[in-house]
Amino acid sequence: MRKNAISRRTFLAATAAAATGCATSAPRVSTARVVPGKISPNEKLDIAAIGIGGMGRANLEACSTENIVALCDVDPGYAGKVFETYPGARRYRDFRKMFDAEANNIDGVIIATPDHTHAVVAMAAMRLGKHIYCQKPLAHSLYEVRKLTETARECNVQTQMGNQGHSSEQIRRLCEWIDDGAIGGVREVHAWSDRPVGGDPWSDFPIMKRPSDTPPVPEGMDWDLWIGPAKFRPYHPIYHPMSWRGFWEFGTGPLGDMGCHILDPAFWALKLGHPASVQATTTHYEKEVAEETYPRASMVRYQFPARGKMPPVSLTWYDGRLLPPVPKEFDPRQRFDGNGALLLGEKGAIMHGSHGAGGLRLLPRELAKDYKQPPATVPRVKEGDGAHEQDWIRACKDGNAASSSFEYGGALTEMVLLGVLAMRVKDRKLEWDGQALRVTNDEEANALVNPPYREGWTL
């Protein structure tokens, strides 16, 4: 049953009640139908979306089987066509005002804002008891990721990170090949992306110092809210709507952008967990550029300890069109794709592309020819358009976790963001205590685990 919307004072009290977990000491607020398993599969969820001009548009389309009841974007001009697609949805610029007005009218929230605001939006929604679909990477800092993971668990909400390939058939087959011993023990993984100098236009990151000119803010846009918890700087079109991913303060660069896709298969199949150490080298050499944007190219080397019967793993990430050495398993004319990964085992190799092991294949060709496929042992997600979003909707209704819930997606993102952190202090080998969420041998690097928020913002 719906009750009157909570007051803004009550909402602010609820969201500030604790650093982790759901509000317990704040005034009690009612929520929509958030109790898993209490919603009929035939009943539609009431969904809100925040950040709808980019990936949020695709996420909404995939969830259009449900009731889209509220839409929020700090730049209504940029998001205008999406507002028009859902004329019955109530419109907002400020997610806080939307939650104030809609707290009892929504079941789930789609979050597709820039990386640096994922955490504050998702935390506020979960503390109101809302199910969350959040774009990858889950957050901007390691601390934020850990807190979101813990809060999702404590608030008993259904979550999904937007690494859509995790719901694919191919990633499950890769896991089954590894479990079957198709290539033997894996000690080495190489993963690469052509970004920032390749890929789609919205992923072409700038390599530049901070702009000095200050063009006017687009009419109707709330620039202060777009900045959110980051350090304030004047508006510039280089940040919004396309190139924010390339700036340290707002995005997570090629590794944050693509790592949650490309590293996902190895992370899952090899049960990698926390790395023991990480070290990065980059092409940065000019101070004013290095302080603002991600490098044109980088290499990040992770070391993972043995896990049960699985041997230690060395994982190397390459971006900017850098590529790993050509393996002996390649045919003479074989080439690397623009994005992908290579798992090297004792008996052969597995190569795949981006987004959940697309283009999955065994190497060398002779191994693939003679290999007998193992039985399907990893549970499948129902295939079709918008499968990943629909898997989240299914989880909201039946209470069984989605494929990349924050329990899994959070751990994957922590691994990815540790590599991003290593790029900030390039060339230094960082020893990592994953349980304590701490760099143990470098205090300057450790300070980047939980960078401070702008005054007026808290998690």
Protein backbone atom coordinates (compact mmCIF):
# COMPACT_ATOMS: atom_id res chain seq x y z
CA MET A 1 0.00 0.00 0.00
CA ARG A 2 1.16 3.52 -0.77
CA LYS A 3 1.33 6.09 1.98
CA ASN A 4 1.94 9.81 1.84
CA ALA A 5 5.41 10.75 0.63
CA ILE A 6 7.92 11.39 3.40
CA SER A 7 9.00 14.94 4.19
CA ARG A 8 12.33 16.25 2.97
CA ARG A 9 13.53 16.53 6.58
CA THR A 10 12.74 12.86 7.16
CA PHE A 11 14.53 11.87 3.95
CA LEU A 12 17.67 13.78 4.91
CA ALA A 13 17.61 12.25 8.36
CA ALA A 14 17.24 8.78 6.92
CA THR A 15 20.08 9.12 4.44
CA ALA A 16 22.44 10.60 7.02
CA ALA A 17 21.57 8.16 9.79
CA ALA A 18 24.59 5.91 9.46
CA ALA A 19 27.79 5.53 7.49
CA THR A 20 26.74 1.99 6.56
CA GLY A 21 23.54 0.04 6.45
CA CYS A 22 19.91 1.10 6.42
CA ALA A 23 18.58 3.91 8.56
CA THR A 24 17.82 2.56 12.03
CA SER A 25 17.71 5.56 14.33
CA ALA A 26 16.08 7.98 11.89
CA PRO A 27 12.30 8.34 11.69
CA ARG A 28 10.83 5.22 10.17
CA VAL A 29 9.90 5.59 6.51
CA SER A 30 7.63 3.33 4.54
CA THR A 31 8.89 1.90 1.27
CA ALA A 32 7.29 0.46 -1.82
CA ARG A 33 7.06 -3.26 -2.47
CA VAL A 34 10.67 -4.07 -1.66
CA VAL A 35 10.25 -7.38 0.16
CA PRO A 36 11.72 -9.99 -2.22
CA GLY A 37 9.38 -12.79 -3.18
CA LYS A 38 6.27 -10.75 -2.37
CA ILE A 39 5.66 -9.49 -5.89
CA SER A 40 3.86 -11.62 -8.44
CA PRO A 41 5.89 -12.31 -11.60
CA ASN A 42 2.92 -10.92 -13.53
CA GLU A 43 2.79 -7.68 -11.54
CA LYS A 44 4.77 -4.73 -12.85
CA LEU A 45 7.39 -2.91 -10.83
CA ASP A 46 7.34 0.88 -10.51
CA ILE A 47 10.76 2.08 -11.62
CA ALA A 48 12.61 5.39 -11.49
CA ALA A 49 15.77 6.26 -13.40
CA ILE A 50 18.52 8.77 -12.63
CA GLY A 51 20.90 9.85 -15.39
CA ILE A 52 18.91 9.05 -18.52
CA GLY A 53 20.76 10.78 -21.36
CA GLY A 54 23.41 8.10 -21.97
CA MET A 55 23.39 4.42 -20.94
CA GLY A 56 20.31 5.12 -18.85
CA ARG A 57 18.31 5.37 -22.05
CA ALA A 58 19.22 1.78 -23.02
CA ASN A 59 18.59 0.53 -19.49
CA LEU A 60 15.13 2.11 -19.51
CA GLU A 61 14.29 0.54 -22.83
CA ALA A 62 15.27 -2.87 -21.47
CA CYS A 63 13.01 -2.27 -18.44
CA SER A 64 10.07 -0.91 -20.42
CA THR A 65 8.11 -4.07 -19.58
CA GLU A 66 7.58 -2.40 -16.18
CA ASN A 67 6.02 0.92 -15.12
CA ILE A 68 8.47 3.80 -15.66
CA VAL A 69 7.07 6.29 -13.16
CA ALA A 70 9.83 8.86 -12.51
CA LEU A 71 12.82 10.20 -14.46
CA CYS A 72 15.65 12.41 -13.23
CA ASP A 73 18.51 14.15 -15.01
CA VAL A 74 20.55 17.23 -14.10
CA ASP A 75 20.47 18.31 -17.76
CA PRO A 76 16.88 18.12 -19.05
CA GLY A 77 18.00 19.54 -22.39
CA TYR A 78 20.38 16.66 -23.06
CA ALA A 79 17.89 14.08 -21.78
CA GLY A 80 14.86 15.66 -23.44
CA LYS A 81 14.08 12.91 -25.95
CA VAL A 82 14.07 10.30 -23.20
CA PHE A 83 11.58 12.33 -21.17
CA GLU A 84 9.38 12.42 -24.27
CA THR A 85 9.58 8.62 -24.64
CA TYR A 86 7.90 8.20 -21.23
CA PRO A 87 5.38 11.06 -21.10
CA GLY A 88 3.60 9.62 -18.07
CA ALA A 89 6.74 9.63 -15.90
CA ARG A 90 7.16 12.47 -13.42
CA ARG A 91 10.23 14.63 -14.14
CA TYR A 92 13.02 15.79 -11.81
CA ARG A 93 16.48 17.38 -11.98
CA ASP A 94 17.58 16.62 -8.40
CA PHE A 95 17.59 12.97 -7.30
CA ARG A 96 17.20 14.05 -3.68
CA LYS A 97 13.95 15.86 -4.47
CA MET A 98 12.79 12.86 -6.47
CA PHE A 99 13.38 10.55 -3.52
CA ASP A 100 11.63 13.03 -1.24
CA ALA A 101 8.54 13.02 -3.45
CA GLU A 102 8.58 9.44 -4.71
CA ALA A 103 9.87 7.40 -1.77
CA ASN A 104 6.61 5.47 -1.48
CA ASN A 105 5.88 5.27 -5.20
CA ILE A 106 8.85 3.35 -6.56
CA ASP A 107 10.18 -0.18 -6.19
CA GLY A 108 13.49 0.07 -8.02
CA VAL A 109 15.96 2.65 -9.28
CA ILE A 110 18.18 2.65 -12.37
CA ILE A 111 21.38 4.66 -11.87
CA ALA A 112 23.36 5.70 -14.95
CA THR A 113 24.99 8.93 -13.82
CA PRO A 114 28.75 9.59 -14.24
CA ASP A 115 30.95 7.30 -12.13
CA HIS A 116 31.69 9.86 -9.41
CA THR A 117 28.02 10.13 -8.37
CA HIS A 118 27.04 6.44 -8.47
CA ALA A 119 27.70 5.91 -4.78
CA VAL A 120 25.82 8.87 -3.28
CA VAL A 121 22.75 8.13 -5.40
CA ALA A 122 22.76 4.38 -4.81
CA MET A 123 23.34 4.74 -1.08
CA ALA A 124 20.41 7.13 -0.68
CA ALA A 125 18.15 4.79 -2.64
CA MET A 126 19.14 1.65 -0.74
CA ARG A 127 18.60 3.34 2.60
CA LEU A 128 15.05 3.98 1.45
CA GLY A 129 14.74 0.27 0.67
CA LYS A 130 14.89 0.47 -3.11
CA HIS A 131 16.22 -2.19 -5.45
CA ILE A 132 19.14 -0.90 -7.53
CA TYR A 133 20.39 -1.34 -11.08
CA CYS A 134 23.66 0.62 -11.25
CA GLN A 135 25.91 1.08 -14.24
CA LYS A 136 29.50 -0.14 -14.11
CA PRO A 137 31.87 0.51 -12.48
CA LEU A 138 29.87 0.30 -9.29
CA ALA A 139 31.48 3.45 -7.86
CA HIS A 140 34.42 5.82 -8.19
CA SER A 141 36.53 4.80 -5.18
CA LEU A 142 37.32 1.54 -3.46
CA TYR A 143 35.77 2.72 -0.20
CA GLU A 144 32.51 3.60 -1.95
CA VAL A 145 32.33 0.15 -3.56
CA ARG A 146 32.83 -1.64 -0.25
CA LYS A 147 30.19 0.48 1.49
CA LEU A 148 27.64 -0.07 -1.29
CA THR A 149 28.22 -3.82 -1.12
CA GLU A 150 27.76 -3.88 2.64
CA THR A 151 24.68 -1.67 2.55
CA ALA A 152 22.96 -3.75 -0.13
CA ARG A 153 23.43 -6.79 2.10
CA GLU A 154 22.18 -5.03 5.21
CA CYS A 155 19.15 -3.48 3.50
CA ASN A 156 18.17 -6.76 1.80
CA VAL A 157 17.59 -5.15 -1.58
CA GLN A 158 18.10 -6.74 -5.00
CA THR A 159 20.96 -5.26 -6.98
CA GLN A 160 22.61 -5.56 -10.38
CA MET A 161 25.72 -3.90 -11.79
CA GLY A 162 25.51 -3.00 -15.46
CA ASN A 163 28.22 -5.31 -16.84
CA GLN A 164 25.67 -6.93 -19.12
CA GLY A 165 27.99 -9.64 -20.43
CA HIS A 166 27.81 -11.34 -17.04
CA SER A 167 24.37 -12.60 -18.00
CA SER A 168 25.64 -14.15 -21.26
CA GLU A 169 25.88 -17.77 -22.30
CA GLN A 170 29.54 -17.43 -23.31
CA ILE A 171 30.84 -16.41 -19.89
CA ARG A 172 29.17 -19.46 -18.39
CA ARG A 173 30.73 -21.75 -20.95
CA LEU A 174 34.14 -20.27 -20.17
CA CYS A 175 33.64 -21.05 -16.48
CA GLU A 176 32.67 -24.61 -17.37
CA TRP A 177 35.75 -25.03 -19.58
CA ILE A 178 37.99 -23.91 -16.71
CA ASP A 179 36.21 -26.20 -14.23
CA ASP A 180 36.54 -29.07 -16.74
CA GLY A 181 40.29 -28.54 -17.01
CA ALA A 182 40.09 -27.76 -20.73
CA ILE A 183 43.39 -25.83 -20.67
CA GLY A 184 44.78 -27.07 -17.36
CA GLY A 185 45.88 -24.79 -14.55
CA VAL A 186 45.93 -21.08 -15.46
CA ARG A 187 48.84 -19.00 -14.18
CA GLU A 188 48.75 -16.12 -16.63
CA VAL A 189 46.05 -13.79 -17.97
CA HIS A 190 46.41 -10.92 -20.44
CA ALA A 191 43.57 -8.46 -21.11
CA TRP A 192 43.52 -5.43 -23.39
CA SER A 193 41.43 -2.55 -24.69
CA ASP A 194 42.00 -0.14 -27.58
CA ARG A 195 40.54 2.68 -25.48
CA PRO A 196 41.13 5.57 -24.91
CA VAL A 197 42.25 5.96 -28.52
CA GLY A 198 39.73 3.54 -30.01
CA GLY A 199 36.17 2.46 -29.44
CA ASP A 200 32.92 4.38 -29.57
CA PRO A 201 32.87 8.20 -29.63
CA TRP A 202 31.59 8.47 -26.06
CA SER A 203 34.58 6.47 -24.85
CA ASP A 204 37.29 8.51 -26.61
CA PHE A 205 38.86 10.04 -23.53
CA PRO A 206 40.72 13.37 -23.67
CA ILE A 207 44.40 13.47 -22.76
CA MET A 208 44.78 17.10 -21.72
CA LYS A 209 45.32 19.57 -18.92
CA ARG A 210 42.35 21.31 -17.25
CA PRO A 211 40.51 23.76 -19.54
CA SER A 212 41.02 27.40 -18.63
CA ASP A 213 38.01 28.89 -20.43
CA THR A 214 34.59 28.97 -18.75
CA PRO A 215 31.72 28.70 -21.24
CA PRO A 216 28.19 29.24 -19.92
CA VAL A 217 26.32 26.33 -18.37
CA PRO A 218 23.60 24.97 -20.70
CA GLU A 219 20.22 26.48 -19.95
CA GLY A 220 18.32 24.43 -17.39
CA MET A 221 21.32 22.34 -16.29
CA ASP A 222 22.22 22.03 -12.58
CA TRP A 223 26.02 22.04 -12.84
CA ASP A 224 26.60 22.10 -9.07
CA LEU A 225 24.58 18.89 -8.73
CA TRP A 226 26.43 17.30 -11.67
CA ILE A 227 29.70 17.96 -9.80
CA GLY A 228 28.18 16.33 -6.71
CA PRO A 229 30.80 15.12 -4.20
CA ALA A 230 33.80 15.97 -6.44
CA LYS A 231 35.87 19.13 -6.02
CA PHE A 232 34.08 22.00 -7.68
CA ARG A 233 35.30 23.35 -11.02
CA PRO A 234 33.61 25.54 -13.63
CA TYR A 235 31.45 23.97 -16.32
CA HIS A 236 33.07 23.02 -19.62
CA PRO A 237 31.56 20.97 -22.47
CA ILE A 238 34.63 18.69 -22.46
CA TYR A 239 33.22 17.14 -19.26
CA HIS A 240 29.56 16.81 -20.13
CA PRO A 241 27.99 14.96 -21.79
CA MET A 242 30.68 12.79 -23.38
CA SER A 243 34.26 12.97 -22.08
CA TRP A 244 33.97 12.96 -18.29
CA ARG A 245 35.25 9.35 -18.27
CA GLY A 246 38.72 10.61 -19.11
CA PHE A 247 39.12 12.85 -16.04
CA TRP A 248 40.38 11.44 -12.74
CA GLU A 249 37.80 13.39 -10.72
CA PHE A 250 34.77 12.05 -12.60
CA GLY A 251 35.55 8.83 -14.44
CA THR A 252 37.66 5.72 -14.06
CA GLY A 253 39.39 5.71 -17.44
CA PRO A 254 39.73 2.79 -19.87
CA LEU A 255 40.30 0.27 -17.08
CA GLY A 256 37.24 1.38 -15.12
CA ASP A 257 35.15 1.69 -18.27
CA MET A 258 36.07 -1.63 -19.91
CA GLY A 259 37.66 -3.69 -17.14
CA CYS A 260 34.30 -4.65 -15.64
CA HIS A 261 33.50 -6.20 -19.03
CA ILE A 262 36.83 -7.64 -20.19
CA LEU A 263 38.17 -8.88 -16.83
CA ASP A 264 34.84 -10.30 -15.71
CA PRO A 265 35.28 -13.79 -17.29
CA ALA A 266 38.72 -14.42 -15.76
CA PHE A 267 37.68 -12.95 -12.40
CA TRP A 268 34.68 -15.30 -12.22
CA ALA A 269 36.12 -18.45 -13.76
CA LEU A 270 39.43 -18.31 -11.85
CA LYS A 271 37.85 -17.15 -8.56
CA LEU A 272 40.49 -14.43 -8.35
CA GLY A 273 39.22 -12.43 -5.38
CA HIS A 274 41.65 -9.90 -3.86
CA PRO A 275 45.04 -9.41 -5.53
CA ALA A 276 48.13 -9.46 -3.34
CA SER A 277 49.81 -6.63 -5.23
CA VAL A 278 49.44 -4.31 -8.22
CA GLN A 279 51.80 -2.09 -10.20
CA ALA A 280 51.12 0.23 -13.15
CA THR A 281 53.18 1.97 -15.79
CA THR A 282 51.76 4.68 -18.04
CA THR A 283 52.66 7.08 -20.83
CA HIS A 284 52.10 10.15 -18.66
CA TYR A 285 55.05 12.52 -18.48
CA GLU A 286 53.59 16.06 -18.39
CA LYS A 287 52.52 17.08 -14.87
CA GLU A 288 49.55 19.29 -15.79
CA VAL A 289 48.11 16.53 -17.98
CA ALA A 290 48.88 13.71 -15.54
CA GLU A 291 47.01 15.53 -12.77
CA GLU A 292 43.82 15.81 -14.84
CA THR A 293 43.25 12.96 -17.26
CA TYR A 294 44.04 9.32 -17.78
CA PRO A 295 47.11 8.41 -19.86
CA ARG A 296 47.09 7.61 -23.55
CA ALA A 297 48.24 4.08 -22.72
CA SER A 298 48.99 2.00 -19.63
CA MET A 299 49.95 -1.44 -18.36
CA VAL A 300 48.72 -2.70 -14.99
CA ARG A 301 50.15 -5.88 -13.45
CA TYR A 302 48.20 -7.75 -10.77
CA GLN A 303 49.47 -10.70 -8.72
CA PHE A 304 46.90 -13.08 -7.22
CA PRO A 305 47.73 -15.78 -4.67
CA ALA A 306 46.74 -19.43 -5.00
CA ARG A 307 43.05 -20.15 -4.36
CA GLY A 308 42.47 -23.68 -3.10
CA LYS A 309 43.77 -25.99 -5.85
CA MET A 310 44.10 -23.12 -8.32
CA PRO A 311 47.67 -21.82 -8.79
CA PRO A 312 48.78 -18.19 -8.38
CA VAL A 313 47.86 -15.94 -11.30
CA SER A 314 49.68 -13.03 -12.92
CA LEU A 315 47.18 -10.77 -14.71
CA THR A 316 48.30 -7.92 -16.98
CA TRP A 317 46.00 -5.21 -18.36
CA TYR A 318 46.92 -3.20 -21.47
CA ASP A 319 45.10 -0.19 -22.91
CA GLY A 320 45.67 2.50 -25.53
CA ARG A 321 46.15 -0.21 -28.19
CA LEU A 322 49.03 -1.84 -26.38
CA LEU A 323 48.85 -5.62 -26.78
CA PRO A 324 50.34 -8.65 -25.04
CA PRO A 325 53.02 -10.87 -26.60
CA VAL A 326 51.67 -13.16 -29.30
CA PRO A 327 51.18 -16.59 -27.70
CA LYS A 328 52.50 -19.79 -29.21
CA GLU A 329 48.92 -21.08 -29.48
CA PHE A 330 48.08 -18.53 -32.21
CA ASP A 331 47.86 -19.59 -35.85
CA PRO A 332 50.29 -17.65 -38.11
CA ARG A 333 47.57 -15.32 -39.43
CA GLN A 334 45.67 -14.89 -36.16
CA ARG A 335 45.38 -11.38 -34.69
CA PHE A 336 44.16 -9.77 -31.48
CA ASP A 337 40.75 -8.09 -31.50
CA GLY A 338 40.46 -4.47 -30.32
CA ASN A 339 39.24 -5.61 -26.87
CA GLY A 340 39.62 -8.99 -25.24
CA ALA A 341 41.50 -11.35 -22.96
CA LEU A 342 43.71 -14.40 -23.12
CA LEU A 343 43.87 -17.06 -20.41
CA LEU A 344 47.04 -19.16 -20.70
CA GLY A 345 46.88 -22.65 -19.23
CA GLU A 346 49.17 -25.66 -18.99
CA LYS A 347 47.50 -27.40 -21.95
CA GLY A 348 46.29 -24.52 -24.11
CA ALA A 349 44.60 -21.14 -24.02
CA ILE A 350 41.19 -19.47 -24.05
CA MET A 351 40.66 -16.19 -25.87
CA HIS A 352 37.56 -14.02 -25.87
CA GLY A 353 36.41 -10.53 -26.76
CA SER A 354 34.66 -7.95 -24.63
CA HIS A 355 31.36 -8.01 -22.75
CA GLY A 356 31.14 -11.43 -21.22
CA ALA A 357 33.46 -13.60 -23.32
CA GLY A 358 32.02 -12.79 -26.73
CA GLY A 359 33.92 -14.60 -29.51
CA LEU A 360 34.94 -17.32 -27.05
CA ARG A 361 37.40 -19.86 -28.47
CA LEU A 362 39.90 -22.53 -27.44
CA LEU A 363 43.47 -22.40 -28.71
CA PRO A 364 45.27 -23.95 -30.48
CA ARG A 365 42.88 -25.11 -33.17
CA GLU A 366 43.77 -28.77 -32.59
CA LEU A 367 42.65 -28.53 -28.94
CA ALA A 368 39.33 -27.00 -29.94
CA LYS A 369 38.77 -29.65 -32.61
CA ASP A 370 39.14 -32.58 -30.21
CA TYR A 371 37.54 -31.03 -27.11
CA LYS A 372 34.28 -32.52 -25.85
CA GLN A 373 32.00 -29.89 -24.36
CA PRO A 374 31.26 -30.39 -20.63
CA PRO A 375 27.69 -30.36 -19.31
CA ALA A 376 26.09 -27.02 -18.43
CA THR A 377 26.58 -26.64 -14.67
CA VAL A 378 26.44 -22.85 -14.19
CA PRO A 379 22.85 -21.55 -13.92
CA ARG A 380 21.75 -19.65 -17.02
CA VAL A 381 20.04 -16.29 -17.38
CA LYS A 382 17.05 -16.17 -19.69
CA GLU A 383 18.37 -14.93 -23.03
CA GLY A 384 16.92 -12.13 -25.13
CA ASP A 385 17.06 -8.37 -25.54
CA GLY A 386 17.77 -6.64 -22.25
CA ALA A 387 18.55 -9.97 -20.55
CA HIS A 388 20.72 -8.35 -17.87
CA GLU A 389 18.12 -5.77 -16.87
CA GLN A 390 15.36 -8.37 -17.02
CA ASP A 391 17.40 -10.60 -14.72
CA TRP A 392 17.40 -7.75 -12.18
CA ILE A 393 13.63 -7.35 -12.55
CA ARG A 394 13.20 -11.07 -12.01
CA ALA A 395 15.35 -10.86 -8.85
CA CYS A 396 13.25 -7.99 -7.50
CA LYS A 397 10.16 -10.16 -7.81
CA ASP A 398 11.34 -13.60 -6.70
CA GLY A 399 14.10 -12.65 -4.24
CA ASN A 400 16.86 -14.74 -5.83
CA ALA A 401 19.98 -12.69 -6.52
CA ALA A 402 20.66 -11.28 -9.98
CA SER A 403 23.70 -12.50 -11.90
CA SER A 404 25.97 -9.52 -11.10
CA SER A 405 24.53 -8.44 -7.77
CA PHE A 406 26.66 -6.10 -5.68
CA GLU A 407 28.10 -9.13 -3.86
CA TYR A 408 29.79 -10.16 -7.10
CA GLY A 409 29.88 -6.85 -8.96
CA GLY A 410 31.38 -5.09 -5.95
CA ALA A 411 34.27 -7.55 -5.67
CA LEU A 412 34.95 -7.28 -9.41
CA THR A 413 34.89 -3.47 -9.23
CA GLU A 414 37.29 -3.42 -6.28
CA MET A 415 39.83 -5.36 -8.33
CA VAL A 416 39.39 -3.01 -11.29
CA LEU A 417 39.61 0.19 -9.22
CA LEU A 418 42.75 -1.01 -7.45
CA GLY A 419 44.41 -0.97 -10.87
CA VAL A 420 43.07 2.53 -11.46
CA LEU A 421 44.55 3.61 -8.13
CA ALA A 422 47.93 2.14 -9.11
CA MET A 423 47.90 4.30 -12.25
CA ARG A 424 47.66 7.43 -10.08
CA VAL A 425 50.97 6.54 -8.36
CA LYS A 426 52.51 4.84 -11.38
CA ASP A 427 55.64 2.67 -11.22
CA ARG A 428 55.24 1.85 -7.51
CA LYS A 429 54.37 -1.70 -6.50
CA LEU A 430 51.46 -1.60 -4.06
CA GLU A 431 50.88 -4.36 -1.51
CA TRP A 432 47.16 -4.85 -0.96
CA ASP A 433 45.18 -6.11 2.03
CA GLY A 434 41.77 -6.68 0.48
CA GLN A 435 40.02 -7.65 3.69
CA ALA A 436 41.12 -4.44 5.41
CA LEU A 437 40.73 -2.40 2.18
CA ARG A 438 44.20 -0.98 2.62
CA VAL A 439 47.46 -0.41 0.76
CA THR A 440 49.95 -1.60 3.35
CA ASN A 441 53.23 -0.19 2.01
CA ASP A 442 52.38 3.27 0.60
CA GLU A 443 50.44 5.86 2.58
CA GLU A 444 50.09 8.25 -0.35
CA ALA A 445 48.43 5.51 -2.37
CA ASN A 446 46.36 4.41 0.61
CA ALA A 447 44.86 7.92 0.87
CA LEU A 448 43.31 7.36 -2.57
CA VAL A 449 41.26 4.41 -1.27
CA ASN A 450 38.83 6.88 0.32
CA PRO A 451 39.36 10.39 -1.07
CA PRO A 452 37.45 13.19 0.67
CA TYR A 453 34.10 14.51 -0.56
CA ARG A 454 33.29 18.13 -1.26
CA GLU A 455 31.76 19.93 1.73
CA GLY A 456 28.05 19.24 2.01
CA TRP A 457 28.26 15.69 0.64
CA THR A 458 28.51 12.47 2.61
CA LEU A 459 28.12 8.80 1.88
